[in-house]
N, C-alpha and C. Protein backbone atom coordinates (compact mmCIF):
# COMPACT_ATOMS: atom_id res chain seq x y z
N MET A 1 0.84 -1.19 0.00
CA MET A 1 0.00 0.00 0.00
C MET A 1 0.88 1.24 0.00
N SER A 2 0.32 2.29 -0.52
CA SER A 2 1.02 3.57 -0.62
C SER A 2 0.34 4.59 0.29
N ILE A 3 1.05 5.65 0.61
CA ILE A 3 0.49 6.75 1.39
C ILE A 3 -0.80 7.27 0.74
N ILE A 4 -0.84 7.23 -0.56
CA ILE A 4 -1.99 7.75 -1.31
C ILE A 4 -3.26 6.95 -1.01
N ASP A 5 -3.10 5.69 -0.60
CA ASP A 5 -4.25 4.84 -0.28
C ASP A 5 -4.96 5.28 1.00
N TYR A 6 -4.30 6.11 1.79
CA TYR A 6 -4.87 6.56 3.06
C TYR A 6 -5.35 8.01 3.01
N LEU A 7 -5.24 8.65 1.85
CA LEU A 7 -5.55 10.08 1.75
C LEU A 7 -6.56 10.39 0.65
N ALA A 8 -7.37 11.40 0.90
CA ALA A 8 -8.25 12.01 -0.10
C ALA A 8 -8.04 13.52 0.03
N ALA A 9 -8.54 14.27 -0.92
CA ALA A 9 -8.32 15.73 -0.92
C ALA A 9 -8.77 16.39 0.38
N ASP A 10 -9.85 15.90 0.99
CA ASP A 10 -10.32 16.53 2.23
C ASP A 10 -9.46 16.15 3.44
N GLN A 11 -8.46 15.30 3.23
CA GLN A 11 -7.54 14.92 4.29
C GLN A 11 -6.18 15.60 4.11
N ILE A 12 -6.16 16.62 3.28
CA ILE A 12 -4.94 17.37 3.01
C ILE A 12 -5.16 18.83 3.35
N MET A 13 -4.22 19.38 4.10
CA MET A 13 -4.31 20.78 4.52
C MET A 13 -3.03 21.49 4.08
N VAL A 14 -3.19 22.57 3.35
CA VAL A 14 -2.05 23.33 2.83
C VAL A 14 -2.07 24.73 3.44
N GLY A 15 -0.90 25.22 3.85
CA GLY A 15 -0.82 26.57 4.42
C GLY A 15 -1.32 26.66 5.84
N VAL A 16 -1.19 25.58 6.60
CA VAL A 16 -1.66 25.55 7.99
C VAL A 16 -0.74 26.43 8.83
N SER A 17 -1.35 27.26 9.66
CA SER A 17 -0.54 28.11 10.54
C SER A 17 -0.79 27.70 11.98
N GLY A 18 0.28 27.65 12.70
CA GLY A 18 0.23 27.33 14.12
C GLY A 18 1.57 27.72 14.70
N SER A 19 1.58 28.13 15.95
CA SER A 19 2.83 28.58 16.54
C SER A 19 3.49 27.51 17.40
N SER A 20 2.83 26.35 17.52
CA SER A 20 3.40 25.29 18.35
C SER A 20 2.94 23.92 17.85
N LYS A 21 3.65 22.90 18.30
CA LYS A 21 3.28 21.52 17.99
C LYS A 21 1.83 21.26 18.44
N LYS A 22 1.51 21.71 19.63
CA LYS A 22 0.17 21.50 20.20
C LYS A 22 -0.91 22.13 19.30
N GLN A 23 -0.68 23.35 18.83
CA GLN A 23 -1.67 24.01 17.96
C GLN A 23 -1.83 23.27 16.64
N VAL A 24 -0.73 22.79 16.07
CA VAL A 24 -0.80 22.06 14.81
C VAL A 24 -1.57 20.76 15.00
N ILE A 25 -1.26 20.03 16.07
CA ILE A 25 -1.96 18.77 16.33
C ILE A 25 -3.44 19.03 16.59
N GLU A 26 -3.73 20.13 17.25
CA GLU A 26 -5.13 20.49 17.49
C GLU A 26 -5.88 20.69 16.17
N GLN A 27 -5.27 21.38 15.22
CA GLN A 27 -5.91 21.60 13.92
C GLN A 27 -6.10 20.29 13.15
N LEU A 28 -5.09 19.42 13.21
CA LEU A 28 -5.20 18.13 12.52
C LEU A 28 -6.29 17.26 13.14
N THR A 29 -6.38 17.27 14.46
CA THR A 29 -7.43 16.46 15.10
C THR A 29 -8.82 17.07 14.90
N GLU A 30 -8.89 18.38 14.72
CA GLU A 30 -10.18 18.99 14.36
C GLU A 30 -10.66 18.47 13.01
N ARG A 31 -9.74 18.41 12.05
CA ARG A 31 -10.11 17.87 10.73
C ARG A 31 -10.48 16.39 10.84
N ALA A 32 -9.73 15.64 11.61
CA ALA A 32 -10.03 14.21 11.80
C ALA A 32 -11.41 14.04 12.42
N ALA A 33 -11.75 14.88 13.38
CA ALA A 33 -13.07 14.80 14.02
C ALA A 33 -14.17 15.10 13.01
N GLU A 34 -13.96 16.11 12.16
CA GLU A 34 -14.95 16.45 11.13
C GLU A 34 -15.18 15.26 10.19
N LEU A 35 -14.10 14.58 9.83
CA LEU A 35 -14.19 13.49 8.86
C LEU A 35 -14.71 12.18 9.45
N THR A 36 -14.48 11.98 10.74
CA THR A 36 -14.87 10.70 11.35
C THR A 36 -16.11 10.79 12.22
N GLY A 37 -16.46 12.00 12.64
CA GLY A 37 -17.58 12.16 13.56
C GLY A 37 -17.20 11.88 15.00
N LEU A 38 -15.92 11.64 15.25
CA LEU A 38 -15.46 11.39 16.62
C LEU A 38 -15.22 12.70 17.35
N CYS A 39 -15.13 12.62 18.65
CA CYS A 39 -14.89 13.78 19.49
C CYS A 39 -13.48 14.31 19.27
N GLN A 40 -13.35 15.59 18.91
CA GLN A 40 -12.05 16.19 18.66
C GLN A 40 -11.18 16.13 19.91
N ARG A 41 -11.75 16.40 21.04
CA ARG A 41 -10.98 16.41 22.29
C ARG A 41 -10.36 15.05 22.56
N SER A 42 -11.14 14.00 22.32
CA SER A 42 -10.66 12.64 22.52
C SER A 42 -9.50 12.33 21.57
N LEU A 43 -9.65 12.70 20.30
CA LEU A 43 -8.58 12.48 19.32
C LEU A 43 -7.33 13.26 19.71
N PHE A 44 -7.51 14.51 20.08
CA PHE A 44 -6.39 15.35 20.49
C PHE A 44 -5.64 14.73 21.68
N GLU A 45 -6.39 14.26 22.66
CA GLU A 45 -5.77 13.70 23.86
C GLU A 45 -4.97 12.43 23.56
N ILE A 46 -5.49 11.56 22.69
CA ILE A 46 -4.73 10.33 22.42
C ILE A 46 -3.47 10.63 21.61
N VAL A 47 -3.54 11.60 20.71
CA VAL A 47 -2.36 11.96 19.93
C VAL A 47 -1.32 12.62 20.84
N MET A 48 -1.75 13.51 21.71
CA MET A 48 -0.81 14.17 22.62
C MET A 48 -0.23 13.19 23.63
N ARG A 49 -1.04 12.22 24.07
CA ARG A 49 -0.53 11.19 24.99
C ARG A 49 0.63 10.44 24.32
N ARG A 50 0.45 10.09 23.05
CA ARG A 50 1.51 9.40 22.31
C ARG A 50 2.72 10.33 22.13
N GLU A 51 2.47 11.59 21.85
CA GLU A 51 3.56 12.56 21.62
C GLU A 51 4.40 12.75 22.89
N ARG A 52 3.77 12.66 24.04
CA ARG A 52 4.51 12.80 25.30
C ARG A 52 5.47 11.63 25.54
N LEU A 53 5.23 10.50 24.91
CA LEU A 53 6.14 9.35 25.03
C LEU A 53 7.46 9.62 24.30
N GLY A 54 7.42 10.48 23.33
CA GLY A 54 8.59 10.84 22.54
C GLY A 54 8.13 11.51 21.27
N SER A 55 8.90 12.45 20.80
CA SER A 55 8.51 13.20 19.61
C SER A 55 8.36 12.28 18.41
N THR A 56 7.35 12.56 17.61
CA THR A 56 7.11 11.80 16.38
C THR A 56 7.75 12.48 15.17
N ALA A 57 8.57 13.49 15.43
CA ALA A 57 9.33 14.12 14.35
C ALA A 57 10.41 13.13 13.91
N ILE A 58 10.52 12.91 12.59
CA ILE A 58 11.49 11.93 12.09
C ILE A 58 12.72 12.59 11.48
N GLY A 59 12.77 13.92 11.54
CA GLY A 59 13.91 14.66 11.00
C GLY A 59 13.59 15.29 9.67
N SER A 60 14.46 16.20 9.26
CA SER A 60 14.33 16.90 7.98
C SER A 60 13.01 17.66 7.82
N GLY A 61 12.45 18.12 8.94
CA GLY A 61 11.24 18.92 8.89
C GLY A 61 9.94 18.12 8.78
N ILE A 62 10.01 16.82 9.09
CA ILE A 62 8.84 15.93 8.95
C ILE A 62 8.44 15.38 10.31
N ALA A 63 7.12 15.30 10.56
CA ALA A 63 6.61 14.65 11.78
C ALA A 63 5.42 13.77 11.39
N ILE A 64 5.30 12.65 12.10
CA ILE A 64 4.20 11.72 11.85
C ILE A 64 3.54 11.36 13.19
N PRO A 65 2.78 12.30 13.76
CA PRO A 65 2.06 11.96 14.99
C PRO A 65 1.05 10.86 14.69
N HIS A 66 0.92 9.91 15.60
CA HIS A 66 0.02 8.79 15.34
C HIS A 66 -0.54 8.24 16.64
N ALA A 67 -1.69 7.59 16.50
CA ALA A 67 -2.36 7.00 17.66
C ALA A 67 -3.46 6.06 17.17
N VAL A 68 -3.98 5.29 18.11
CA VAL A 68 -5.14 4.44 17.82
C VAL A 68 -6.32 4.92 18.66
N HIS A 69 -7.52 4.70 18.14
CA HIS A 69 -8.74 5.12 18.84
C HIS A 69 -9.75 3.98 18.77
N HIS A 70 -10.32 3.64 19.89
CA HIS A 70 -11.23 2.48 19.96
C HIS A 70 -12.50 2.61 19.12
N ASP A 71 -12.90 3.82 18.76
CA ASP A 71 -14.13 4.00 17.97
C ASP A 71 -13.89 4.12 16.47
N LEU A 72 -12.64 4.08 16.04
CA LEU A 72 -12.37 4.16 14.60
C LEU A 72 -12.60 2.80 13.94
N THR A 73 -13.02 2.83 12.69
CA THR A 73 -13.24 1.59 11.95
C THR A 73 -12.20 1.37 10.86
N ARG A 74 -11.42 2.43 10.53
CA ARG A 74 -10.39 2.30 9.51
C ARG A 74 -9.25 3.25 9.81
N THR A 75 -8.09 2.93 9.26
CA THR A 75 -6.92 3.81 9.42
C THR A 75 -7.04 4.96 8.43
N MET A 76 -6.68 6.14 8.90
CA MET A 76 -6.71 7.30 8.01
C MET A 76 -5.53 8.21 8.30
N GLY A 77 -5.16 8.97 7.30
CA GLY A 77 -4.10 9.95 7.44
C GLY A 77 -4.61 11.33 7.10
N ILE A 78 -4.01 12.32 7.71
CA ILE A 78 -4.27 13.72 7.38
C ILE A 78 -2.90 14.38 7.28
N ILE A 79 -2.62 14.93 6.13
CA ILE A 79 -1.31 15.54 5.92
C ILE A 79 -1.46 17.05 5.84
N ALA A 80 -0.52 17.74 6.47
CA ALA A 80 -0.56 19.20 6.49
C ALA A 80 0.81 19.76 6.15
N VAL A 81 0.80 20.77 5.30
CA VAL A 81 2.01 21.54 5.02
C VAL A 81 1.82 22.87 5.74
N LEU A 82 2.74 23.18 6.62
CA LEU A 82 2.62 24.37 7.45
C LEU A 82 3.13 25.61 6.72
N SER A 83 2.51 26.73 6.99
CA SER A 83 2.97 27.97 6.37
C SER A 83 4.30 28.43 6.98
N LYS A 84 4.53 28.04 8.23
CA LYS A 84 5.77 28.39 8.92
C LYS A 84 6.14 27.20 9.82
N PRO A 85 7.40 26.74 9.76
CA PRO A 85 7.81 25.60 10.57
C PRO A 85 7.64 25.86 12.07
N VAL A 86 7.37 24.77 12.82
CA VAL A 86 7.24 24.85 14.27
C VAL A 86 8.19 23.83 14.92
N ASP A 87 8.57 24.11 16.16
CA ASP A 87 9.40 23.19 16.92
C ASP A 87 8.57 21.96 17.27
N PHE A 88 9.11 20.77 16.98
CA PHE A 88 8.41 19.52 17.24
C PHE A 88 9.29 18.60 18.10
N ASP A 89 10.31 19.18 18.74
CA ASP A 89 11.25 18.42 19.56
C ASP A 89 11.95 17.33 18.77
N ALA A 90 12.32 17.64 17.54
CA ALA A 90 12.98 16.67 16.66
C ALA A 90 14.40 16.38 17.13
N GLN A 91 14.86 15.15 16.91
CA GLN A 91 16.22 14.76 17.26
C GLN A 91 17.25 15.63 16.54
N ASP A 92 16.96 15.97 15.26
CA ASP A 92 17.90 16.79 14.49
C ASP A 92 17.75 18.28 14.77
N ARG A 93 16.83 18.61 15.69
CA ARG A 93 16.57 19.99 16.13
C ARG A 93 16.00 20.90 15.05
N LYS A 94 15.65 20.34 13.91
CA LYS A 94 15.07 21.14 12.83
C LYS A 94 13.57 21.30 13.06
N PRO A 95 13.04 22.50 12.83
CA PRO A 95 11.60 22.68 12.96
C PRO A 95 10.87 21.90 11.86
N VAL A 96 9.61 21.61 12.12
CA VAL A 96 8.80 20.77 11.23
C VAL A 96 7.85 21.63 10.41
N ASP A 97 7.74 21.30 9.11
CA ASP A 97 6.78 22.01 8.26
C ASP A 97 5.90 21.05 7.44
N VAL A 98 6.13 19.74 7.55
CA VAL A 98 5.25 18.74 6.93
C VAL A 98 4.86 17.76 8.03
N VAL A 99 3.55 17.66 8.30
CA VAL A 99 3.05 16.81 9.36
C VAL A 99 1.98 15.88 8.79
N CYS A 100 2.11 14.59 9.10
CA CYS A 100 1.09 13.64 8.68
C CYS A 100 0.56 12.92 9.90
N LEU A 101 -0.67 13.21 10.27
CA LEU A 101 -1.35 12.54 11.37
C LEU A 101 -1.88 11.21 10.87
N VAL A 102 -1.60 10.13 11.60
CA VAL A 102 -2.14 8.82 11.27
C VAL A 102 -2.90 8.32 12.49
N ILE A 103 -4.17 8.02 12.29
CA ILE A 103 -4.97 7.44 13.37
C ILE A 103 -5.63 6.18 12.85
N GLY A 104 -5.70 5.19 13.70
CA GLY A 104 -6.27 3.91 13.28
C GLY A 104 -7.09 3.28 14.37
N PRO A 105 -7.82 2.22 14.00
CA PRO A 105 -8.62 1.50 14.99
C PRO A 105 -7.73 0.71 15.94
N GLN A 106 -8.17 0.59 17.17
CA GLN A 106 -7.38 -0.09 18.18
C GLN A 106 -7.17 -1.57 17.84
N ASN A 107 -8.14 -2.20 17.23
CA ASN A 107 -8.06 -3.63 16.97
C ASN A 107 -7.38 -3.97 15.64
N ALA A 108 -6.89 -3.00 14.91
CA ALA A 108 -6.22 -3.25 13.63
C ALA A 108 -4.86 -2.55 13.62
N ASP A 109 -4.11 -2.80 14.69
CA ASP A 109 -2.85 -2.09 14.89
C ASP A 109 -1.86 -2.29 13.75
N SER A 110 -1.85 -3.45 13.11
CA SER A 110 -0.87 -3.66 12.05
C SER A 110 -1.16 -2.77 10.84
N ASP A 111 -2.43 -2.51 10.53
CA ASP A 111 -2.77 -1.61 9.42
C ASP A 111 -2.30 -0.19 9.75
N HIS A 112 -2.51 0.22 10.97
CA HIS A 112 -2.07 1.53 11.44
C HIS A 112 -0.55 1.65 11.30
N LEU A 113 0.18 0.62 11.70
CA LEU A 113 1.64 0.65 11.61
C LEU A 113 2.12 0.60 10.17
N LYS A 114 1.40 -0.12 9.31
CA LYS A 114 1.74 -0.13 7.88
C LYS A 114 1.59 1.26 7.29
N CYS A 115 0.56 1.97 7.70
CA CYS A 115 0.33 3.32 7.21
C CYS A 115 1.45 4.25 7.68
N VAL A 116 1.82 4.18 8.96
CA VAL A 116 2.90 5.01 9.48
C VAL A 116 4.19 4.71 8.71
N SER A 117 4.45 3.44 8.46
CA SER A 117 5.65 3.04 7.71
C SER A 117 5.62 3.57 6.28
N SER A 118 4.47 3.48 5.64
CA SER A 118 4.32 3.97 4.27
C SER A 118 4.54 5.48 4.21
N VAL A 119 3.97 6.19 5.17
CA VAL A 119 4.14 7.65 5.23
C VAL A 119 5.62 7.98 5.43
N ALA A 120 6.26 7.28 6.35
CA ALA A 120 7.68 7.56 6.62
C ALA A 120 8.54 7.31 5.38
N ARG A 121 8.28 6.22 4.66
CA ARG A 121 9.04 5.94 3.44
C ARG A 121 8.82 7.03 2.40
N SER A 122 7.58 7.43 2.21
CA SER A 122 7.27 8.45 1.21
C SER A 122 7.90 9.79 1.57
N LEU A 123 7.79 10.17 2.83
CA LEU A 123 8.25 11.49 3.24
C LEU A 123 9.77 11.55 3.45
N ARG A 124 10.43 10.42 3.44
CA ARG A 124 11.89 10.41 3.52
C ARG A 124 12.52 10.83 2.20
N GLU A 125 11.74 10.78 1.13
CA GLU A 125 12.23 11.18 -0.19
C GLU A 125 12.31 12.71 -0.25
N VAL A 126 13.52 13.23 -0.32
CA VAL A 126 13.73 14.69 -0.31
C VAL A 126 12.98 15.37 -1.44
N ALA A 127 13.02 14.79 -2.64
CA ALA A 127 12.34 15.41 -3.79
C ALA A 127 10.84 15.50 -3.56
N ILE A 128 10.25 14.45 -2.99
CA ILE A 128 8.80 14.45 -2.72
C ILE A 128 8.48 15.55 -1.71
N CYS A 129 9.23 15.61 -0.62
CA CYS A 129 8.98 16.62 0.41
C CYS A 129 9.12 18.03 -0.14
N ASN A 130 10.11 18.23 -0.97
CA ASN A 130 10.28 19.56 -1.56
C ASN A 130 9.08 19.92 -2.43
N GLN A 131 8.55 18.96 -3.16
CA GLN A 131 7.34 19.22 -3.96
C GLN A 131 6.16 19.52 -3.05
N LEU A 132 6.00 18.74 -1.98
CA LEU A 132 4.88 18.96 -1.06
C LEU A 132 4.92 20.37 -0.49
N ARG A 133 6.10 20.83 -0.18
CA ARG A 133 6.26 22.16 0.41
C ARG A 133 5.87 23.27 -0.55
N THR A 134 5.85 22.99 -1.85
CA THR A 134 5.47 24.00 -2.83
C THR A 134 3.99 23.93 -3.21
N ALA A 135 3.30 22.89 -2.78
CA ALA A 135 1.89 22.71 -3.16
C ALA A 135 1.04 23.88 -2.67
N LYS A 136 0.17 24.35 -3.54
CA LYS A 136 -0.72 25.46 -3.19
C LYS A 136 -2.14 24.97 -2.88
N THR A 137 -2.47 23.75 -3.34
CA THR A 137 -3.81 23.20 -3.12
C THR A 137 -3.71 21.74 -2.70
N PRO A 138 -4.74 21.21 -2.03
CA PRO A 138 -4.75 19.78 -1.68
C PRO A 138 -4.62 18.88 -2.92
N HIS A 139 -5.26 19.24 -4.02
CA HIS A 139 -5.19 18.41 -5.22
C HIS A 139 -3.77 18.38 -5.79
N GLU A 140 -3.09 19.51 -5.74
CA GLU A 140 -1.71 19.56 -6.21
C GLU A 140 -0.83 18.65 -5.34
N LEU A 141 -1.00 18.74 -4.03
CA LEU A 141 -0.23 17.90 -3.13
C LEU A 141 -0.53 16.42 -3.37
N LEU A 142 -1.80 16.09 -3.54
CA LEU A 142 -2.20 14.71 -3.81
C LEU A 142 -1.56 14.21 -5.10
N GLY A 143 -1.46 15.08 -6.09
CA GLY A 143 -0.81 14.73 -7.34
C GLY A 143 0.66 14.40 -7.15
N TYR A 144 1.35 15.17 -6.32
CA TYR A 144 2.76 14.89 -6.03
C TYR A 144 2.91 13.53 -5.35
N LEU A 145 2.02 13.24 -4.40
CA LEU A 145 2.08 11.96 -3.72
C LEU A 145 1.72 10.80 -4.65
N GLY A 146 0.82 11.06 -5.58
CA GLY A 146 0.42 10.03 -6.52
C GLY A 146 1.53 9.64 -7.47
N ASN A 147 2.53 10.49 -7.59
CA ASN A 147 3.67 10.20 -8.47
C ASN A 147 4.74 9.37 -7.78
N THR A 148 4.53 9.06 -6.48
CA THR A 148 5.51 8.24 -5.79
C THR A 148 5.30 6.79 -6.17
N SER A 149 6.34 6.01 -6.03
CA SER A 149 6.21 4.58 -6.34
C SER A 149 6.29 3.78 -5.05
N ASP A 150 5.90 4.38 -3.94
CA ASP A 150 5.97 3.72 -2.65
C ASP A 150 4.98 2.57 -2.58
N VAL A 151 5.45 1.41 -2.24
CA VAL A 151 4.58 0.25 -2.03
C VAL A 151 5.00 -0.40 -0.73
N ALA A 152 4.05 -0.54 0.16
CA ALA A 152 4.36 -1.15 1.46
C ALA A 152 4.65 -2.64 1.28
N ALA A 153 5.57 -3.12 2.08
CA ALA A 153 5.95 -4.54 1.98
C ALA A 153 4.88 -5.43 2.56
């Protein structure tokens, strides 16, 4: 599976502004709540609980916050390109400007982990990330991701 299998245009946010990791995660979980019908506060709390275990920033300006929720029925991703990078407590100390939230059902943990792995592989490609950072619309960003040849093992 590819990152594109977990995303649709309404799961892509371009030009997101936030002054902190917490604000960015709050915006991503608001979108997740709109799309799933789940409580935003609940989604926010599970993602932040996971983030407190250790930063989900993977370096080079990329973060993949992730969590599982008992009321979800499928794994989904929400990707955001930030208008201005924010500190995400990354090991490389670089601020983050591309964030992909992955949330999945509690009872399908392997699908959730496959999605996180797929996102990490896709976003590790410098050329792809550079294209994502230039995207002006969700459809443009989706097009860049659709050009990847990422296939999960």
